[in-house]
Each structure stands twice: as C-alpha cells, then as structure tokens.
Amino acid sequence: MIKHLNNPKNNIIAVIIVEIITLSITFTADFSGAGVLGSVVLKWVPAIIGITTLLFYFVSRLFTKKHNWYISLLGILTMLFVTYNLYTTDFSQTL
C-alpha cells in the first residue's frame, strides 16, 4: 500500500483528476452576485490550488523520496473543501 502511495505517477494523476472534477463543479456554480472579475477568479481557485500542490510535490521530491503523498493528500482535501465552500456560498447577499 505504501509503495502505491509513494509512486509519483499515482500522486500526479490523482491531483489532476481531482482538479478537473473540482473545476467542473466550480464552473457550474452560480457566481452572479460576485461580479464579472470576481466570478472569473473564483472559478479558477481549484486550478490554482492544484498547480500549487503539484509544485510543492515536485519540490518535495527533490529533497525526500518518502511521505510525499502527504502533500498530495493535503492539496486534494484543500481543493475539495474550497470547492464545497464556493459552491454552497450565496454571493447575492455580499456587498
């Protein structure tokens, strides 16, 4: 099990798959009250988190070869949490 978790190919594919899923969820969310620029930025937040996760993962692979899957897991959970909050927030009541 640990051998599969430490495999870079599995980690990169998992982050990319979750990034695509969370992007499709945020692109279907209603950002009508957030304004034009705000809605564009909010739709791309999971992609920014996913790219940042992959960058941290690649940098951590330079220093250590074990337990890098923690970074992938943290990035995946962060993307899911942010996507859920963006999808459930009612932007029509903000200023």
Protein backbone atom coordinates (compact mmCIF):
# COMPACT_ATOMS: atom_id res chain seq x y z
CA MET A 1 0.00 0.00 0.00
CA ILE A 2 2.77 2.45 0.91
CA LYS A 3 4.54 1.61 -2.35
CA HIS A 4 1.48 2.79 -4.29
CA LEU A 5 1.20 5.96 -2.20
CA ASN A 6 4.83 6.91 -2.80
CA ASN A 7 4.54 6.41 -6.57
CA PRO A 8 4.84 9.86 -8.21
CA LYS A 9 2.70 8.83 -11.16
CA ASN A 10 -0.24 7.93 -8.90
CA ASN A 11 0.05 11.18 -6.93
CA ILE A 12 0.21 13.39 -10.01
CA ILE A 13 -2.71 11.63 -11.69
CA ALA A 14 -4.80 11.84 -8.50
CA VAL A 15 -4.19 15.58 -8.14
CA ILE A 16 -5.01 16.22 -11.81
CA ILE A 17 -8.22 14.14 -11.68
CA VAL A 18 -9.44 15.91 -8.54
CA GLU A 19 -8.50 19.26 -10.10
CA ILE A 20 -10.62 18.51 -13.18
CA ILE A 21 -13.56 17.40 -11.03
CA THR A 22 -13.41 20.46 -8.77
CA LEU A 23 -13.04 22.79 -11.75
CA SER A 24 -16.14 21.34 -13.35
CA ILE A 25 -18.04 21.84 -10.09
CA THR A 26 -16.96 25.47 -9.71
CA PHE A 27 -17.74 26.24 -13.34
CA THR A 28 -21.34 25.13 -12.74
CA ALA A 29 -21.72 27.23 -9.58
CA ASP A 30 -23.75 30.45 -9.61
CA PHE A 31 -21.47 33.47 -9.12
CA SER A 32 -23.99 36.04 -10.36
CA GLY A 33 -23.63 38.25 -7.28
CA ALA A 34 -19.83 38.21 -7.25
CA GLY A 35 -19.32 40.48 -10.25
CA VAL A 36 -17.57 39.73 -13.51
CA LEU A 37 -13.96 39.75 -12.37
CA GLY A 38 -14.78 38.06 -9.07
CA SER A 39 -16.58 35.21 -10.77
CA VAL A 40 -13.67 34.62 -13.17
CA VAL A 41 -11.16 34.50 -10.32
CA LEU A 42 -13.36 32.31 -8.12
CA LYS A 43 -13.88 29.76 -10.88
CA TRP A 44 -10.14 29.18 -11.22
CA VAL A 45 -9.30 28.85 -7.49
CA PRO A 46 -9.21 24.99 -7.56
CA ALA A 47 -6.83 25.10 -10.53
CA ILE A 48 -4.52 27.47 -8.67
CA ILE A 49 -4.57 25.19 -5.63
CA GLY A 50 -3.91 22.14 -7.83
CA ILE A 51 -0.96 23.74 -9.61
CA THR A 52 0.47 24.90 -6.29
CA THR A 53 0.08 21.38 -4.90
CA LEU A 54 1.95 19.91 -7.86
CA LEU A 55 4.74 22.47 -7.48
CA PHE A 56 5.11 21.68 -3.77
CA TYR A 57 5.06 17.97 -4.62
CA PHE A 58 7.85 18.31 -7.20
CA VAL A 59 9.99 20.41 -4.85
CA SER A 60 9.50 17.93 -2.01
CA ARG A 61 10.53 15.09 -4.36
CA LEU A 62 13.89 16.82 -4.78
CA PHE A 63 14.60 16.63 -1.05
CA THR A 64 12.99 13.39 0.05
CA LYS A 65 11.53 10.34 -1.65
CA LYS A 66 9.23 9.16 1.12
CA HIS A 67 5.97 10.52 2.51
CA ASN A 68 5.39 12.95 -0.37
CA TRP A 69 1.87 11.69 -0.68
CA TYR A 70 1.00 13.81 2.36
CA ILE A 71 1.35 16.89 0.16
CA SER A 72 -0.89 15.37 -2.49
CA LEU A 73 -3.50 14.42 0.09
CA LEU A 74 -3.41 17.88 1.66
CA GLY A 75 -3.83 19.52 -1.75
CA ILE A 76 -6.72 17.23 -2.69
CA LEU A 77 -8.53 17.87 0.59
CA THR A 78 -7.97 21.62 0.23
CA MET A 79 -9.37 21.62 -3.30
CA LEU A 80 -12.45 19.68 -2.17
CA PHE A 81 -13.02 21.95 0.84
CA VAL A 82 -12.66 25.16 -1.18
CA THR A 83 -14.89 23.85 -3.97
CA TYR A 84 -17.60 22.90 -1.49
CA ASN A 85 -17.48 26.33 0.11
CA LEU A 86 -17.56 28.11 -3.25
CA TYR A 87 -20.46 26.01 -4.47
CA THR A 88 -22.59 26.49 -1.36
CA THR A 89 -21.94 30.21 -0.82
CA ASP A 90 -24.71 32.59 -1.84
CA PHE A 91 -22.92 35.51 -3.48
CA SER A 92 -26.08 37.55 -3.99
CA GLN A 93 -26.02 38.65 -0.34
CA THR A 94 -22.48 40.04 -0.35
CA LEU A 95 -21.62 43.68 -0.85
